[in-house]
Amino acid sequence: MDEMPRNFRTARSLRVLLAPADRALAVLLGMEPDIDVVAQVRPGDDLAAAAIMCRPEVALVDEVSAVSAVLAEVPECRVLVLATSAHPGLAGRSLAAGAAGLVLRDGPVPDLAEAVRRASTGETVVDPALADPAGA
């Protein structure tokens, strides 16, 4: 895991875990003054162990199955599922698994950063482009 420079951080940064590892996304999110990407988990690495070690406030994962892995070890963590496109039932499955929401992986970074902030305050965040038509 690469460390981000700390000289531009606010007094308290949101601790974010990113799985799978995505250096470009980590750098872009890390440029936000109140977000600190504390871990990037590569495919095949132990997500649960990384969550225990870094104690993120928000985890960004790309699989619904990863939600329970994080929450089992760090129940206070808010988990957002990253999706590339809408799939029927994905929002409902994500929320049913305990996710705090569903966001576009390739959307604008400021929107993703705002979703992280909102999730950290307890909000449920579902990108309108990913919402189930039936109203998940």
Protein backbone atom coordinates (compact mmCIF):
# COMPACT_ATOMS: atom_id res chain seq x y z
CA MET A 1 0.00 0.00 0.00
CA ASP A 2 1.34 3.40 -0.96
CA GLU A 3 1.05 6.27 1.48
CA MET A 4 -0.49 9.56 0.41
CA PRO A 5 1.17 12.85 1.38
CA ARG A 6 -0.33 14.19 4.59
CA ASN A 7 0.48 17.90 4.31
CA PHE A 8 -2.86 18.74 2.67
CA ARG A 9 -5.09 16.62 4.91
CA THR A 10 -7.80 17.99 7.12
CA ALA A 11 -7.60 17.29 10.84
CA ARG A 12 -9.71 14.16 10.36
CA SER A 13 -9.75 12.12 7.18
CA LEU A 14 -12.20 9.35 6.28
CA ARG A 15 -10.37 6.02 6.22
CA VAL A 16 -11.23 4.18 3.00
CA LEU A 17 -10.40 0.63 1.90
CA LEU A 18 -10.44 -0.07 -1.84
CA ALA A 19 -11.01 -3.61 -3.13
CA PRO A 20 -9.92 -4.47 -5.67
CA ALA A 21 -6.78 -2.40 -5.75
CA ASP A 22 -6.94 0.40 -8.29
CA ARG A 23 -3.95 2.72 -8.09
CA ALA A 24 -5.49 5.43 -10.28
CA LEU A 25 -8.72 5.51 -8.30
CA ALA A 26 -6.79 5.44 -5.01
CA VAL A 27 -4.70 8.43 -6.08
CA LEU A 28 -7.74 10.39 -7.29
CA LEU A 29 -9.72 9.69 -4.12
CA GLY A 30 -6.64 10.39 -2.02
CA MET A 31 -6.42 13.85 -3.55
CA GLU A 32 -9.64 14.73 -1.73
CA PRO A 33 -8.60 16.61 1.42
CA ASP A 34 -10.84 14.56 3.71
CA ILE A 35 -10.31 11.05 2.27
CA ASP A 36 -7.41 8.75 3.10
CA VAL A 37 -7.17 5.50 1.12
CA VAL A 38 -5.65 3.34 3.86
CA ALA A 39 -5.57 0.03 1.97
CA GLN A 40 -5.91 -1.44 -1.48
CA VAL A 41 -6.75 -5.13 -1.57
CA ARG A 42 -5.61 -7.05 -4.62
CA PRO A 43 -7.58 -10.01 -6.00
CA GLY A 44 -6.63 -13.09 -4.03
CA ASP A 45 -5.56 -11.10 -0.94
CA ASP A 46 -7.48 -11.54 2.31
CA LEU A 47 -10.08 -8.75 2.34
CA ALA A 48 -11.24 -9.54 5.87
CA ALA A 49 -7.68 -9.38 7.23
CA ALA A 50 -7.09 -6.05 5.49
CA ALA A 51 -10.30 -4.67 6.98
CA ILE A 52 -9.27 -5.77 10.47
CA MET A 53 -5.81 -4.28 10.08
CA CYS A 54 -6.76 -0.86 8.67
CA ARG A 55 -10.22 -0.38 10.30
CA PRO A 56 -11.77 1.63 7.44
CA GLU A 57 -14.81 3.81 7.93
CA VAL A 58 -15.87 3.11 4.34
CA ALA A 59 -14.94 0.19 2.09
CA LEU A 60 -15.39 0.28 -1.69
CA VAL A 61 -15.80 -3.24 -3.08
CA ASP A 62 -16.72 -4.60 -6.49
CA GLU A 63 -18.58 -7.74 -5.42
CA VAL A 64 -21.71 -8.13 -3.34
CA SER A 65 -20.11 -11.14 -1.63
CA ALA A 66 -17.34 -8.88 -0.31
CA VAL A 67 -19.86 -6.86 1.71
CA SER A 68 -20.38 -9.60 4.28
CA ALA A 69 -16.63 -10.33 4.46
CA VAL A 70 -15.95 -6.74 5.53
CA LEU A 71 -18.95 -6.40 7.83
CA ALA A 72 -18.18 -9.68 9.61
CA GLU A 73 -14.86 -8.24 10.78
CA VAL A 74 -15.59 -4.49 10.96
CA PRO A 75 -19.35 -4.15 11.52
CA GLU A 76 -19.15 -0.38 11.94
CA CYS A 77 -17.66 0.01 8.44
CA ARG A 78 -19.96 1.34 5.73
CA VAL A 79 -19.55 -0.63 2.50
CA LEU A 80 -20.28 0.73 -0.96
CA VAL A 81 -20.47 -1.65 -3.92
CA LEU A 82 -18.78 -0.36 -7.07
CA ALA A 83 -20.62 -1.27 -10.27
CA THR A 84 -19.78 -0.64 -13.90
CA SER A 85 -23.40 -0.78 -15.04
CA ALA A 86 -26.92 -1.49 -13.84
CA HIS A 87 -27.94 -5.12 -13.53
CA PRO A 88 -31.44 -6.22 -12.53
CA GLY A 89 -31.59 -6.78 -8.79
CA LEU A 90 -28.02 -5.58 -8.08
CA ALA A 91 -29.08 -2.65 -5.88
CA GLY A 92 -31.49 -4.85 -3.94
CA ARG A 93 -28.91 -7.62 -3.46
CA SER A 94 -26.28 -5.10 -2.38
CA LEU A 95 -28.53 -3.48 0.21
CA ALA A 96 -29.82 -6.85 1.43
CA ALA A 97 -26.20 -7.93 1.99
CA GLY A 98 -25.72 -4.93 4.26
CA ALA A 99 -24.11 -2.48 1.85
CA ALA A 100 -24.55 1.22 2.48
CA GLY A 101 -25.10 1.69 -1.21
CA LEU A 102 -24.20 1.14 -4.83
CA VAL A 103 -22.14 3.60 -6.87
CA LEU A 104 -20.69 3.84 -10.36
CA ARG A 105 -17.10 2.66 -10.49
CA ASP A 106 -16.25 4.78 -13.53
CA GLY A 107 -18.30 7.83 -12.58
CA PRO A 108 -16.81 11.23 -11.77
CA VAL A 109 -14.44 11.04 -8.79
CA PRO A 110 -16.11 14.00 -7.04
CA ASP A 111 -19.40 12.05 -7.13
CA LEU A 112 -17.70 8.95 -5.70
CA ALA A 113 -16.03 11.04 -3.00
CA GLU A 114 -19.39 12.57 -2.09
CA ALA A 115 -20.93 9.08 -1.90
CA VAL A 116 -18.13 8.05 0.50
CA ARG A 117 -18.83 11.10 2.66
CA ARG A 118 -22.58 10.49 2.68
CA ALA A 119 -22.17 6.79 3.48
CA SER A 120 -19.84 7.64 6.36
CA THR A 121 -22.63 9.68 7.96
CA GLY A 122 -25.07 6.77 7.80
CA GLU A 123 -26.87 7.58 4.56
CA THR A 124 -27.81 4.92 2.05
CA VAL A 125 -26.38 5.94 -1.32
CA VAL A 126 -27.60 4.43 -4.59
CA ASP A 127 -26.55 6.12 -7.82
CA PRO A 128 -29.76 6.82 -9.79
CA ALA A 129 -28.21 5.16 -12.85
CA LEU A 130 -27.90 1.92 -10.86
CA ALA A 131 -31.23 1.89 -9.01
CA ASP A 132 -33.49 -1.06 -9.66
CA PRO A 133 -36.54 -0.02 -11.68
CA ALA A 134 -38.76 -1.64 -9.04
CA GLY A 135 -37.37 0.78 -6.47
CA ALA A 136 -34.53 -0.84 -4.55
